[in-house]
mmCIF file of all heavy atoms, coordinates in Angstrom:
data_MODEL
# 
_entry.id   MODEL 
# 
loop_
_atom_site.group_PDB 
_atom_site.id 
_atom_site.type_symbol 
_atom_site.label_atom_id 
_atom_site.label_alt_id 
_atom_site.label_comp_id 
_atom_site.label_asym_id 
_atom_site.label_entity_id 
_atom_site.label_seq_id 
_atom_site.pdbx_PDB_ins_code 
_atom_site.Cartn_x 
_atom_site.Cartn_y 
_atom_site.Cartn_z 
_atom_site.occupancy 
_atom_site.B_iso_or_equiv 
_atom_site.pdbx_formal_charge 
_atom_site.auth_seq_id 
_atom_site.auth_comp_id 
_atom_site.auth_asym_id 
_atom_site.auth_atom_id 
_atom_site.pdbx_PDB_model_num 
ATOM 1   N N   . GLY A 1 1  ? 84.438  163.811 137.166 1.00 0.00 ? 1  GLY A N   1 
ATOM 2   C CA  . GLY A 1 1  ? 83.519  164.854 136.726 1.00 0.00 ? 1  GLY A CA  1 
ATOM 3   C C   . GLY A 1 1  ? 83.795  166.195 137.393 1.00 0.00 ? 1  GLY A C   1 
ATOM 4   O O   . GLY A 1 1  ? 84.008  167.208 136.698 1.00 0.00 ? 1  GLY A O   1 
ATOM 5   N N   . PRO A 1 2  ? 83.819  166.255 138.745 1.00 0.00 ? 2  PRO A N   1 
ATOM 6   C CA  . PRO A 1 2  ? 84.143  167.521 139.408 1.00 0.00 ? 2  PRO A CA  1 
ATOM 7   C C   . PRO A 1 2  ? 85.515  168.069 139.025 1.00 0.00 ? 2  PRO A C   1 
ATOM 8   O O   . PRO A 1 2  ? 85.688  169.284 138.898 1.00 0.00 ? 2  PRO A O   1 
ATOM 9   C CB  . PRO A 1 2  ? 84.088  167.149 140.895 1.00 0.00 ? 2  PRO A CB  1 
ATOM 10  C CG  . PRO A 1 2  ? 83.161  165.991 140.965 1.00 0.00 ? 2  PRO A CG  1 
ATOM 11  C CD  . PRO A 1 2  ? 83.396  165.211 139.701 1.00 0.00 ? 2  PRO A CD  1 
ATOM 12  N N   . PHE A 1 3  ? 86.485  167.173 138.837 1.00 0.00 ? 3  PHE A N   1 
ATOM 13  C CA  . PHE A 1 3  ? 87.816  167.633 138.460 1.00 0.00 ? 3  PHE A CA  1 
ATOM 14  C C   . PHE A 1 3  ? 87.791  168.340 137.109 1.00 0.00 ? 3  PHE A C   1 
ATOM 15  O O   . PHE A 1 3  ? 88.324  169.453 136.953 1.00 0.00 ? 3  PHE A O   1 
ATOM 16  C CB  . PHE A 1 3  ? 88.786  166.449 138.417 1.00 0.00 ? 3  PHE A CB  1 
ATOM 17  C CG  . PHE A 1 3  ? 90.123  166.773 137.816 1.00 0.00 ? 3  PHE A CG  1 
ATOM 18  C CD1 . PHE A 1 3  ? 91.053  167.526 138.512 1.00 0.00 ? 3  PHE A CD1 1 
ATOM 19  C CD2 . PHE A 1 3  ? 90.452  166.324 136.542 1.00 0.00 ? 3  PHE A CD2 1 
ATOM 20  C CE1 . PHE A 1 3  ? 92.290  167.838 137.957 1.00 0.00 ? 3  PHE A CE1 1 
ATOM 21  C CE2 . PHE A 1 3  ? 91.682  166.619 135.981 1.00 0.00 ? 3  PHE A CE2 1 
ATOM 22  C CZ  . PHE A 1 3  ? 92.600  167.384 136.689 1.00 0.00 ? 3  PHE A CZ  1 
ATOM 23  N N   . PHE A 1 4  ? 87.175  167.721 136.102 1.00 0.00 ? 4  PHE A N   1 
ATOM 24  C CA  . PHE A 1 4  ? 87.152  168.324 134.770 1.00 0.00 ? 4  PHE A CA  1 
ATOM 25  C C   . PHE A 1 4  ? 86.314  169.596 134.749 1.00 0.00 ? 4  PHE A C   1 
ATOM 26  O O   . PHE A 1 4  ? 86.641  170.550 134.027 1.00 0.00 ? 4  PHE A O   1 
ATOM 27  C CB  . PHE A 1 4  ? 86.662  167.317 133.734 1.00 0.00 ? 4  PHE A CB  1 
ATOM 28  C CG  . PHE A 1 4  ? 87.675  166.257 133.400 1.00 0.00 ? 4  PHE A CG  1 
ATOM 29  C CD1 . PHE A 1 4  ? 87.394  164.914 133.622 1.00 0.00 ? 4  PHE A CD1 1 
ATOM 30  C CD2 . PHE A 1 4  ? 88.914  166.603 132.883 1.00 0.00 ? 4  PHE A CD2 1 
ATOM 31  C CE1 . PHE A 1 4  ? 88.339  163.939 133.323 1.00 0.00 ? 4  PHE A CE1 1 
ATOM 32  C CE2 . PHE A 1 4  ? 89.865  165.637 132.581 1.00 0.00 ? 4  PHE A CE2 1 
ATOM 33  C CZ  . PHE A 1 4  ? 89.571  164.306 132.804 1.00 0.00 ? 4  PHE A CZ  1 
ATOM 34  N N   . ARG A 1 5  ? 85.261  169.645 135.558 1.00 0.00 ? 5  ARG A N   1 
ATOM 35  C CA  . ARG A 1 5  ? 84.485  170.886 135.636 1.00 0.00 ? 5  ARG A CA  1 
ATOM 36  C C   . ARG A 1 5  ? 85.321  172.011 136.226 1.00 0.00 ? 5  ARG A C   1 
ATOM 37  O O   . ARG A 1 5  ? 85.273  173.156 135.752 1.00 0.00 ? 5  ARG A O   1 
ATOM 38  C CB  . ARG A 1 5  ? 83.224  170.656 136.477 1.00 0.00 ? 5  ARG A CB  1 
ATOM 39  C CG  . ARG A 1 5  ? 82.133  169.887 135.743 1.00 0.00 ? 5  ARG A CG  1 
ATOM 40  C CD  . ARG A 1 5  ? 80.799  170.006 136.449 1.00 0.00 ? 5  ARG A CD  1 
ATOM 41  N NE  . ARG A 1 5  ? 80.810  169.345 137.751 1.00 0.00 ? 5  ARG A NE  1 
ATOM 42  C CZ  . ARG A 1 5  ? 80.513  168.065 137.939 1.00 0.00 ? 5  ARG A CZ  1 
ATOM 43  N NH1 . ARG A 1 5  ? 80.192  167.295 136.897 1.00 0.00 ? 5  ARG A NH1 1 
ATOM 44  N NH2 . ARG A 1 5  ? 80.528  167.545 139.151 1.00 0.00 ? 5  ARG A NH2 1 
ATOM 45  N N   . ASP A 1 6  ? 86.106  171.683 137.247 1.00 0.00 ? 6  ASP A N   1 
ATOM 46  C CA  . ASP A 1 6  ? 86.969  172.702 137.841 1.00 0.00 ? 6  ASP A CA  1 
ATOM 47  C C   . ASP A 1 6  ? 88.016  173.184 136.843 1.00 0.00 ? 6  ASP A C   1 
ATOM 48  O O   . ASP A 1 6  ? 88.278  174.391 136.724 1.00 0.00 ? 6  ASP A O   1 
ATOM 49  C CB  . ASP A 1 6  ? 87.658  172.148 139.090 1.00 0.00 ? 6  ASP A CB  1 
ATOM 50  C CG  . ASP A 1 6  ? 86.728  172.067 140.285 1.00 0.00 ? 6  ASP A CG  1 
ATOM 51  O OD1 . ASP A 1 6  ? 85.680  172.742 140.266 1.00 0.00 ? 6  ASP A OD1 1 
ATOM 52  O OD2 . ASP A 1 6  ? 87.043  171.321 141.231 1.00 0.00 ? 6  ASP A OD2 1 
ATOM 53  N N   . VAL A 1 7  ? 88.628  172.249 136.140 1.00 0.00 ? 7  VAL A N   1 
ATOM 54  C CA  . VAL A 1 7  ? 89.659  172.626 135.168 1.00 0.00 ? 7  VAL A CA  1 
ATOM 55  C C   . VAL A 1 7  ? 89.067  173.497 134.068 1.00 0.00 ? 7  VAL A C   1 
ATOM 56  O O   . VAL A 1 7  ? 89.671  174.505 133.658 1.00 0.00 ? 7  VAL A O   1 
ATOM 57  C CB  . VAL A 1 7  ? 90.316  171.363 134.575 1.00 0.00 ? 7  VAL A CB  1 
ATOM 58  C CG1 . VAL A 1 7  ? 91.185  171.721 133.365 1.00 0.00 ? 7  VAL A CG1 1 
ATOM 59  C CG2 . VAL A 1 7  ? 91.167  170.661 135.637 1.00 0.00 ? 7  VAL A CG2 1 
ATOM 60  N N   . MET A 1 8  ? 87.868  173.139 133.609 1.00 0.00 ? 8  MET A N   1 
ATOM 61  C CA  . MET A 1 8  ? 87.238  173.913 132.541 1.00 0.00 ? 8  MET A CA  1 
ATOM 62  C C   . MET A 1 8  ? 86.821  175.301 133.017 1.00 0.00 ? 8  MET A C   1 
ATOM 63  O O   . MET A 1 8  ? 86.704  176.227 132.211 1.00 0.00 ? 8  MET A O   1 
ATOM 64  C CB  . MET A 1 8  ? 86.021  173.163 131.998 1.00 0.00 ? 8  MET A CB  1 
ATOM 65  C CG  . MET A 1 8  ? 86.368  171.867 131.274 1.00 0.00 ? 8  MET A CG  1 
ATOM 66  S SD  . MET A 1 8  ? 87.462  172.111 129.844 1.00 0.00 ? 8  MET A SD  1 
ATOM 67  C CE  . MET A 1 8  ? 86.384  173.048 128.754 1.00 0.00 ? 8  MET A CE  1 
ATOM 68  N N   . SER A 1 9  ? 86.605  175.453 134.326 1.00 0.00 ? 9  SER A N   1 
ATOM 69  C CA  . SER A 1 9  ? 86.201  176.756 134.854 1.00 0.00 ? 9  SER A CA  1 
ATOM 70  C C   . SER A 1 9  ? 87.389  177.651 135.192 1.00 0.00 ? 9  SER A C   1 
ATOM 71  O O   . SER A 1 9  ? 87.211  178.821 135.544 1.00 0.00 ? 9  SER A O   1 
ATOM 72  C CB  . SER A 1 9  ? 85.357  176.573 136.119 1.00 0.00 ? 9  SER A CB  1 
ATOM 73  O OG  . SER A 1 9  ? 86.164  176.120 137.214 1.00 0.00 ? 9  SER A OG  1 
ATOM 74  N N   . ALA A 1 10 ? 88.604  177.093 135.098 1.00 0.00 ? 10 ALA A N   1 
ATOM 75  C CA  . ALA A 1 10 ? 89.804  177.856 135.463 1.00 0.00 ? 10 ALA A CA  1 
ATOM 76  C C   . ALA A 1 10 ? 89.968  179.075 134.564 1.00 0.00 ? 10 ALA A C   1 
ATOM 77  O O   . ALA A 1 10 ? 89.690  179.024 133.367 1.00 0.00 ? 10 ALA A O   1 
ATOM 78  C CB  . ALA A 1 10 ? 91.034  176.966 135.376 1.00 0.00 ? 10 ALA A CB  1 
ATOM 79  N N   . ARG A 1 11 ? 90.425  180.166 135.153 1.00 0.00 ? 11 ARG A N   1 
ATOM 80  C CA  . ARG A 1 11 ? 90.567  181.419 134.425 1.00 0.00 ? 11 ARG A CA  1 
ATOM 81  C C   . ARG A 1 11 ? 91.987  181.671 133.925 1.00 0.00 ? 11 ARG A C   1 
ATOM 82  O O   . ARG A 1 11 ? 92.254  182.686 133.283 1.00 0.00 ? 11 ARG A O   1 
ATOM 83  C CB  . ARG A 1 11 ? 90.128  182.577 135.328 1.00 0.00 ? 11 ARG A CB  1 
ATOM 84  C CG  . ARG A 1 11 ? 88.655  182.533 135.709 1.00 0.00 ? 11 ARG A CG  1 
ATOM 85  C CD  . ARG A 1 11 ? 88.346  183.471 136.842 1.00 0.00 ? 11 ARG A CD  1 
ATOM 86  N NE  . ARG A 1 11 ? 89.070  183.084 138.062 1.00 0.00 ? 11 ARG A NE  1 
ATOM 87  C CZ  . ARG A 1 11 ? 88.966  183.731 139.216 1.00 0.00 ? 11 ARG A CZ  1 
ATOM 88  N NH1 . ARG A 1 11 ? 88.204  184.805 139.308 1.00 0.00 ? 11 ARG A NH1 1 
ATOM 89  N NH2 . ARG A 1 11 ? 89.646  183.303 140.275 1.00 0.00 ? 11 ARG A NH2 1 
ATOM 90  N N   . SER A 1 12 ? 92.891  180.762 134.239 1.00 0.00 ? 12 SER A N   1 
ATOM 91  C CA  . SER A 1 12 ? 94.274  180.936 133.801 1.00 0.00 ? 12 SER A CA  1 
ATOM 92  C C   . SER A 1 12 ? 94.989  179.597 133.853 1.00 0.00 ? 12 SER A C   1 
ATOM 93  O O   . SER A 1 12 ? 94.548  178.674 134.554 1.00 0.00 ? 12 SER A O   1 
ATOM 94  C CB  . SER A 1 12 ? 95.001  181.931 134.723 1.00 0.00 ? 12 SER A CB  1 
ATOM 95  O OG  . SER A 1 12 ? 95.177  181.363 136.011 1.00 0.00 ? 12 SER A OG  1 
ATOM 96  N N   . PRO A 1 13 ? 96.096  179.471 133.119 1.00 0.00 ? 13 PRO A N   1 
ATOM 97  C CA  . PRO A 1 13 ? 96.881  178.235 133.202 1.00 0.00 ? 13 PRO A CA  1 
ATOM 98  C C   . PRO A 1 13 ? 97.346  177.943 134.632 1.00 0.00 ? 13 PRO A C   1 
ATOM 99  O O   . PRO A 1 13 ? 97.459  176.780 135.028 1.00 0.00 ? 13 PRO A O   1 
ATOM 100 C CB  . PRO A 1 13 ? 98.066  178.505 132.266 1.00 0.00 ? 13 PRO A CB  1 
ATOM 101 C CG  . PRO A 1 13 ? 97.547  179.503 131.294 1.00 0.00 ? 13 PRO A CG  1 
ATOM 102 C CD  . PRO A 1 13 ? 96.620  180.378 132.085 1.00 0.00 ? 13 PRO A CD  1 
ATOM 103 N N   . ARG A 1 14 ? 97.612  178.997 135.403 1.00 0.00 ? 14 ARG A N   1 
ATOM 104 C CA  . ARG A 1 14 ? 98.050  178.796 136.787 1.00 0.00 ? 14 ARG A CA  1 
ATOM 105 C C   . ARG A 1 14 ? 96.961  178.142 137.623 1.00 0.00 ? 14 ARG A C   1 
ATOM 106 O O   . ARG A 1 14 ? 97.236  177.285 138.466 1.00 0.00 ? 14 ARG A O   1 
ATOM 107 C CB  . ARG A 1 14 ? 98.471  180.136 137.393 1.00 0.00 ? 14 ARG A CB  1 
ATOM 108 C CG  . ARG A 1 14 ? 99.156  180.013 138.749 1.00 0.00 ? 14 ARG A CG  1 
ATOM 109 C CD  . ARG A 1 14 ? 99.661  181.360 139.231 1.00 0.00 ? 14 ARG A CD  1 
ATOM 110 N NE  . ARG A 1 14 ? 100.313 181.255 140.526 1.00 0.00 ? 14 ARG A NE  1 
ATOM 111 C CZ  . ARG A 1 14 ? 101.580 180.909 140.709 1.00 0.00 ? 14 ARG A CZ  1 
ATOM 112 N NH1 . ARG A 1 14 ? 102.340 180.638 139.663 1.00 0.00 ? 14 ARG A NH1 1 
ATOM 113 N NH2 . ARG A 1 14 ? 102.097 180.848 141.916 1.00 0.00 ? 14 ARG A NH2 1 
ATOM 114 N N   . GLU A 1 15 ? 95.707  178.526 137.383 1.00 0.00 ? 15 GLU A N   1 
ATOM 115 C CA  . GLU A 1 15 ? 94.607  177.892 138.102 1.00 0.00 ? 15 GLU A CA  1 
ATOM 116 C C   . GLU A 1 15 ? 94.420  176.447 137.655 1.00 0.00 ? 15 GLU A C   1 
ATOM 117 O O   . GLU A 1 15 ? 94.131  175.569 138.484 1.00 0.00 ? 15 GLU A O   1 
ATOM 118 C CB  . GLU A 1 15 ? 93.318  178.686 137.894 1.00 0.00 ? 15 GLU A CB  1 
ATOM 119 C CG  . GLU A 1 15 ? 93.292  179.995 138.666 1.00 0.00 ? 15 GLU A CG  1 
ATOM 120 C CD  . GLU A 1 15 ? 91.941  180.680 138.616 1.00 0.00 ? 15 GLU A CD  1 
ATOM 121 O OE1 . GLU A 1 15 ? 90.977  180.088 138.085 1.00 0.00 ? 15 GLU A OE1 1 
ATOM 122 O OE2 . GLU A 1 15 ? 91.851  181.816 139.123 1.00 0.00 ? 15 GLU A OE2 1 
ATOM 123 N N   . VAL A 1 16 ? 94.582  176.192 136.365 1.00 0.00 ? 16 VAL A N   1 
ATOM 124 C CA  . VAL A 1 16 ? 94.525  174.805 135.886 1.00 0.00 ? 16 VAL A CA  1 
ATOM 125 C C   . VAL A 1 16 ? 95.569  173.964 136.604 1.00 0.00 ? 16 VAL A C   1 
ATOM 126 O O   . VAL A 1 16 ? 95.285  172.867 137.110 1.00 0.00 ? 16 VAL A O   1 
ATOM 127 C CB  . VAL A 1 16 ? 94.750  174.741 134.355 1.00 0.00 ? 16 VAL A CB  1 
ATOM 128 C CG1 . VAL A 1 16 ? 94.919  173.291 133.900 1.00 0.00 ? 16 VAL A CG1 1 
ATOM 129 C CG2 . VAL A 1 16 ? 93.603  175.406 133.608 1.00 0.00 ? 16 VAL A CG2 1 
ATOM 130 N N   . TRP A 1 17 ? 96.786  174.488 136.665 1.00 0.00 ? 17 TRP A N   1 
ATOM 131 C CA  . TRP A 1 17 ? 97.878  173.779 137.346 1.00 0.00 ? 17 TRP A CA  1 
ATOM 132 C C   . TRP A 1 17 ? 97.554  173.570 138.827 1.00 0.00 ? 17 TRP A C   1 
ATOM 133 O O   . TRP A 1 17 ? 97.836  172.523 139.395 1.00 0.00 ? 17 TRP A O   1 
ATOM 134 C CB  . TRP A 1 17 ? 99.162  174.570 137.172 1.00 0.00 ? 17 TRP A CB  1 
ATOM 135 C CG  . TRP A 1 17 ? 100.404 173.924 137.716 1.00 0.00 ? 17 TRP A CG  1 
ATOM 136 C CD1 . TRP A 1 17 ? 101.244 174.432 138.654 1.00 0.00 ? 17 TRP A CD1 1 
ATOM 137 C CD2 . TRP A 1 17 ? 100.958 172.662 137.337 1.00 0.00 ? 17 TRP A CD2 1 
ATOM 138 N NE1 . TRP A 1 17 ? 102.284 173.580 138.892 1.00 0.00 ? 17 TRP A NE1 1 
ATOM 139 C CE2 . TRP A 1 17 ? 102.141 172.469 138.099 1.00 0.00 ? 17 TRP A CE2 1 
ATOM 140 C CE3 . TRP A 1 17 ? 100.565 171.671 136.444 1.00 0.00 ? 17 TRP A CE3 1 
ATOM 141 C CZ2 . TRP A 1 17 ? 102.919 171.330 137.990 1.00 0.00 ? 17 TRP A CZ2 1 
ATOM 142 C CZ3 . TRP A 1 17 ? 101.349 170.531 136.324 1.00 0.00 ? 17 TRP A CZ3 1 
ATOM 143 C CH2 . TRP A 1 17 ? 102.509 170.371 137.097 1.00 0.00 ? 17 TRP A CH2 1 
ATOM 144 N N   . GLY A 1 18 ? 96.930  174.575 139.437 1.00 0.00 ? 18 GLY A N   1 
ATOM 145 C CA  . GLY A 1 18 ? 96.546  174.453 140.830 1.00 0.00 ? 18 GLY A CA  1 
ATOM 146 C C   . GLY A 1 18 ? 95.552  173.340 141.058 1.00 0.00 ? 18 GLY A C   1 
ATOM 147 O O   . GLY A 1 18 ? 95.665  172.568 142.021 1.00 0.00 ? 18 GLY A O   1 
ATOM 148 N N   . TYR A 1 19 ? 94.571  173.230 140.171 1.00 0.00 ? 19 TYR A N   1 
ATOM 149 C CA  . TYR A 1 19 ? 93.580  172.155 140.308 1.00 0.00 ? 19 TYR A CA  1 
ATOM 150 C C   . TYR A 1 19 ? 94.219  170.774 140.141 1.00 0.00 ? 19 TYR A C   1 
ATOM 151 O O   . TYR A 1 19 ? 93.740  169.786 140.698 1.00 0.00 ? 19 TYR A O   1 
ATOM 152 C CB  . TYR A 1 19 ? 92.462  172.329 139.277 1.00 0.00 ? 19 TYR A CB  1 
ATOM 153 C CG  . TYR A 1 19 ? 91.428  173.360 139.653 1.00 0.00 ? 19 TYR A CG  1 
ATOM 154 C CD1 . TYR A 1 19 ? 91.127  174.411 138.785 1.00 0.00 ? 19 TYR A CD1 1 
ATOM 155 C CD2 . TYR A 1 19 ? 90.738  173.282 140.855 1.00 0.00 ? 19 TYR A CD2 1 
ATOM 156 C CE1 . TYR A 1 19 ? 90.175  175.361 139.121 1.00 0.00 ? 19 TYR A CE1 1 
ATOM 157 C CE2 . TYR A 1 19 ? 89.778  174.222 141.198 1.00 0.00 ? 19 TYR A CE2 1 
ATOM 158 C CZ  . TYR A 1 19 ? 89.502  175.263 140.329 1.00 0.00 ? 19 TYR A CZ  1 
ATOM 159 O OH  . TYR A 1 19 ? 88.557  176.197 140.673 1.00 0.00 ? 19 TYR A OH  1 
ATOM 160 N N   . ILE A 1 20 ? 95.297  170.709 139.387 1.00 0.00 ? 20 ILE A N   1 
ATOM 161 C CA  . ILE A 1 20 ? 95.951  169.419 139.138 1.00 0.00 ? 20 ILE A CA  1 
ATOM 162 C C   . ILE A 1 20 ? 96.836  169.002 140.307 1.00 0.00 ? 20 ILE A C   1 
ATOM 163 O O   . ILE A 1 20 ? 96.764  167.858 140.771 1.00 0.00 ? 20 ILE A O   1 
ATOM 164 C CB  . ILE A 1 20 ? 96.774  169.474 137.836 1.00 0.00 ? 20 ILE A CB  1 
ATOM 165 C CG1 . ILE A 1 20 ? 95.834  169.623 136.633 1.00 0.00 ? 20 ILE A CG1 1 
ATOM 166 C CG2 . ILE A 1 20 ? 97.637  168.214 137.688 1.00 0.00 ? 20 ILE A CG2 1 
ATOM 167 C CD1 . ILE A 1 20 ? 96.558  169.890 135.324 1.00 0.00 ? 20 ILE A CD1 1 
ATOM 168 N N   . ILE A 1 21 ? 97.672  169.916 140.802 1.00 0.00 ? 21 ILE A N   1 
ATOM 169 C CA  . ILE A 1 21 ? 98.692  169.501 141.775 1.00 0.00 ? 21 ILE A CA  1 
ATOM 170 C C   . ILE A 1 21 ? 98.380  169.863 143.218 1.00 0.00 ? 21 ILE A C   1 
ATOM 171 O O   . ILE A 1 21 ? 99.057  169.393 144.129 1.00 0.00 ? 21 ILE A O   1 
ATOM 172 C CB  . ILE A 1 21 ? 100.074 170.085 141.415 1.00 0.00 ? 21 ILE A CB  1 
ATOM 173 C CG1 . ILE A 1 21 ? 100.078 171.605 141.630 1.00 0.00 ? 21 ILE A CG1 1 
ATOM 174 C CG2 . ILE A 1 21 ? 100.498 169.693 140.018 1.00 0.00 ? 21 ILE A CG2 1 
ATOM 175 C CD1 . ILE A 1 21 ? 101.455 172.181 141.842 1.00 0.00 ? 21 ILE A CD1 1 
ATOM 176 N N   . SER A 1 22 ? 97.371  170.685 143.451 1.00 0.00 ? 22 SER A N   1 
ATOM 177 C CA  . SER A 1 22 ? 97.057  171.078 144.822 1.00 0.00 ? 22 SER A CA  1 
ATOM 178 C C   . SER A 1 22 ? 96.323  169.955 145.542 1.00 0.00 ? 22 SER A C   1 
ATOM 179 O O   . SER A 1 22 ? 95.810  169.019 144.919 1.00 0.00 ? 22 SER A O   1 
ATOM 180 C CB  . SER A 1 22 ? 96.203  172.341 144.818 1.00 0.00 ? 22 SER A CB  1 
ATOM 181 O OG  . SER A 1 22 ? 96.904  173.408 144.220 1.00 0.00 ? 22 SER A OG  1 
ATOM 182 N N   . PRO A 1 23 ? 96.217  170.042 146.853 1.00 0.00 ? 23 PRO A N   1 
ATOM 183 C CA  . PRO A 1 23 ? 95.471  169.024 147.592 1.00 0.00 ? 23 PRO A CA  1 
ATOM 184 C C   . PRO A 1 23 ? 93.999  169.029 147.217 1.00 0.00 ? 23 PRO A C   1 
ATOM 185 O O   . PRO A 1 23 ? 93.459  170.056 146.786 1.00 0.00 ? 23 PRO A O   1 
ATOM 186 C CB  . PRO A 1 23 ? 95.659  169.446 149.054 1.00 0.00 ? 23 PRO A CB  1 
ATOM 187 C CG  . PRO A 1 23 ? 96.889  170.296 149.065 1.00 0.00 ? 23 PRO A CG  1 
ATOM 188 C CD  . PRO A 1 23 ? 96.893  171.003 147.748 1.00 0.00 ? 23 PRO A CD  1 
ATOM 189 N N   . PRO A 1 24 ? 93.319  167.903 147.356 1.00 0.00 ? 24 PRO A N   1 
ATOM 190 C CA  . PRO A 1 24 ? 91.878  167.867 147.103 1.00 0.00 ? 24 PRO A CA  1 
ATOM 191 C C   . PRO A 1 24 ? 91.163  168.943 147.920 1.00 0.00 ? 24 PRO A C   1 
ATOM 192 O O   . PRO A 1 24 ? 91.472  169.157 149.088 1.00 0.00 ? 24 PRO A O   1 
ATOM 193 C CB  . PRO A 1 24 ? 91.467  166.463 147.568 1.00 0.00 ? 24 PRO A CB  1 
ATOM 194 C CG  . PRO A 1 24 ? 92.718  165.659 147.458 1.00 0.00 ? 24 PRO A CG  1 
ATOM 195 C CD  . PRO A 1 24 ? 93.846  166.597 147.778 1.00 0.00 ? 24 PRO A CD  1 
ATOM 196 N N   . GLY A 1 25 ? 90.211  169.620 147.293 1.00 0.00 ? 25 GLY A N   1 
ATOM 197 C CA  . GLY A 1 25 ? 89.465  170.669 147.971 1.00 0.00 ? 25 GLY A CA  1 
ATOM 198 C C   . GLY A 1 25 ? 90.003  172.060 147.749 1.00 0.00 ? 25 GLY A C   1 
ATOM 199 O O   . GLY A 1 25 ? 89.361  173.040 148.140 1.00 0.00 ? 25 GLY A O   1 
ATOM 200 N N   . TRP A 1 26 ? 91.172  172.194 147.097 1.00 0.00 ? 26 TRP A N   1 
ATOM 201 C CA  . TRP A 1 26 ? 91.751  173.518 146.862 1.00 0.00 ? 26 TRP A CA  1 
ATOM 202 C C   . TRP A 1 26 ? 90.908  174.323 145.892 1.00 0.00 ? 26 TRP A C   1 
ATOM 203 O O   . TRP A 1 26 ? 90.382  173.792 144.904 1.00 0.00 ? 26 TRP A O   1 
ATOM 204 C CB  . TRP A 1 26 ? 93.165  173.380 146.298 1.00 0.00 ? 26 TRP A CB  1 
ATOM 205 C CG  . TRP A 1 26 ? 93.798  174.695 145.951 1.00 0.00 ? 26 TRP A CG  1 
ATOM 206 C CD1 . TRP A 1 26 ? 94.444  175.542 146.795 1.00 0.00 ? 26 TRP A CD1 1 
ATOM 207 C CD2 . TRP A 1 26 ? 93.827  175.317 144.657 1.00 0.00 ? 26 TRP A CD2 1 
ATOM 208 N NE1 . TRP A 1 26 ? 94.879  176.654 146.109 1.00 0.00 ? 26 TRP A NE1 1 
ATOM 209 C CE2 . TRP A 1 26 ? 94.509  176.542 144.804 1.00 0.00 ? 26 TRP A CE2 1 
ATOM 210 C CE3 . TRP A 1 26 ? 93.331  174.960 143.397 1.00 0.00 ? 26 TRP A CE3 1 
ATOM 211 C CZ2 . TRP A 1 26 ? 94.728  177.409 143.735 1.00 0.00 ? 26 TRP A CZ2 1 
ATOM 212 C CZ3 . TRP A 1 26 ? 93.532  175.815 142.328 1.00 0.00 ? 26 TRP A CZ3 1 
ATOM 213 C CH2 . TRP A 1 26 ? 94.230  177.025 142.500 1.00 0.00 ? 26 TRP A CH2 1 
ATOM 214 N N   . ARG A 1 27 ? 90.736  175.599 146.190 1.00 0.00 ? 27 ARG A N   1 
ATOM 215 C CA  . ARG A 1 27 ? 90.046  176.526 145.307 1.00 0.00 ? 27 ARG A CA  1 
ATOM 216 C C   . ARG A 1 27 ? 90.911  177.772 145.123 1.00 0.00 ? 27 ARG A C   1 
ATOM 217 O O   . ARG A 1 27 ? 91.550  178.235 146.086 1.00 0.00 ? 27 ARG A O   1 
ATOM 218 C CB  . ARG A 1 27 ? 88.697  176.956 145.887 1.00 0.00 ? 27 ARG A CB  1 
ATOM 219 C CG  . ARG A 1 27 ? 87.777  175.825 146.308 1.00 0.00 ? 27 ARG A CG  1 
ATOM 220 C CD  . ARG A 1 27 ? 87.259  175.039 145.147 1.00 0.00 ? 27 ARG A CD  1 
ATOM 221 N NE  . ARG A 1 27 ? 86.544  175.869 144.183 1.00 0.00 ? 27 ARG A NE  1 
ATOM 222 C CZ  . ARG A 1 27 ? 86.006  175.388 143.051 1.00 0.00 ? 27 ARG A CZ  1 
ATOM 223 N NH1 . ARG A 1 27 ? 86.138  174.106 142.757 1.00 0.00 ? 27 ARG A NH1 1 
ATOM 224 N NH2 . ARG A 1 27 ? 85.367  176.182 142.232 1.00 0.00 ? 27 ARG A NH2 1 
ATOM 225 N N   . PRO A 1 28 ? 90.943  178.355 143.933 1.00 0.00 ? 28 PRO A N   1 
ATOM 226 C CA  . PRO A 1 28 ? 91.794  179.538 143.704 1.00 0.00 ? 28 PRO A CA  1 
ATOM 227 C C   . PRO A 1 28 ? 91.307  180.793 144.420 1.00 0.00 ? 28 PRO A C   1 
ATOM 228 O O   . PRO A 1 28 ? 92.079  181.731 144.609 1.00 0.00 ? 28 PRO A O   1 
ATOM 229 C CB  . PRO A 1 28 ? 91.729  179.721 142.182 1.00 0.00 ? 28 PRO A CB  1 
ATOM 230 C CG  . PRO A 1 28 ? 90.468  179.057 141.757 1.00 0.00 ? 28 PRO A CG  1 
ATOM 231 C CD  . PRO A 1 28 ? 90.288  177.905 142.698 1.00 0.00 ? 28 PRO A CD  1 
ATOM 232 N N   . ASP A 1 29 ? 90.026  180.822 144.855 1.00 0.00 ? 29 ASP A N   1 
ATOM 233 C CA  . ASP A 1 29 ? 89.504  182.016 145.526 1.00 0.00 ? 29 ASP A CA  1 
ATOM 234 C C   . ASP A 1 29 ? 89.687  181.965 147.038 1.00 0.00 ? 29 ASP A C   1 
ATOM 235 O O   . ASP A 1 29 ? 89.247  182.861 147.754 1.00 0.00 ? 29 ASP A O   1 
ATOM 236 C CB  . ASP A 1 29 ? 88.025  182.224 145.191 1.00 0.00 ? 29 ASP A CB  1 
ATOM 237 C CG  . ASP A 1 29 ? 87.159  181.040 145.606 1.00 0.00 ? 29 ASP A CG  1 
ATOM 238 O OD1 . ASP A 1 29 ? 87.694  180.081 146.222 1.00 0.00 ? 29 ASP A OD1 1 
ATOM 239 O OD2 . ASP A 1 29 ? 85.940  181.068 145.320 1.00 0.00 ? 29 ASP A OD2 1 
# 
């Protein structure tokens, strides 16, 4: 649930990719 909410809130494909491959807890801000 938190993962899909984060992906849906992403403002760019790069942020989507970040949520997928970054360590747990990563935020783009």
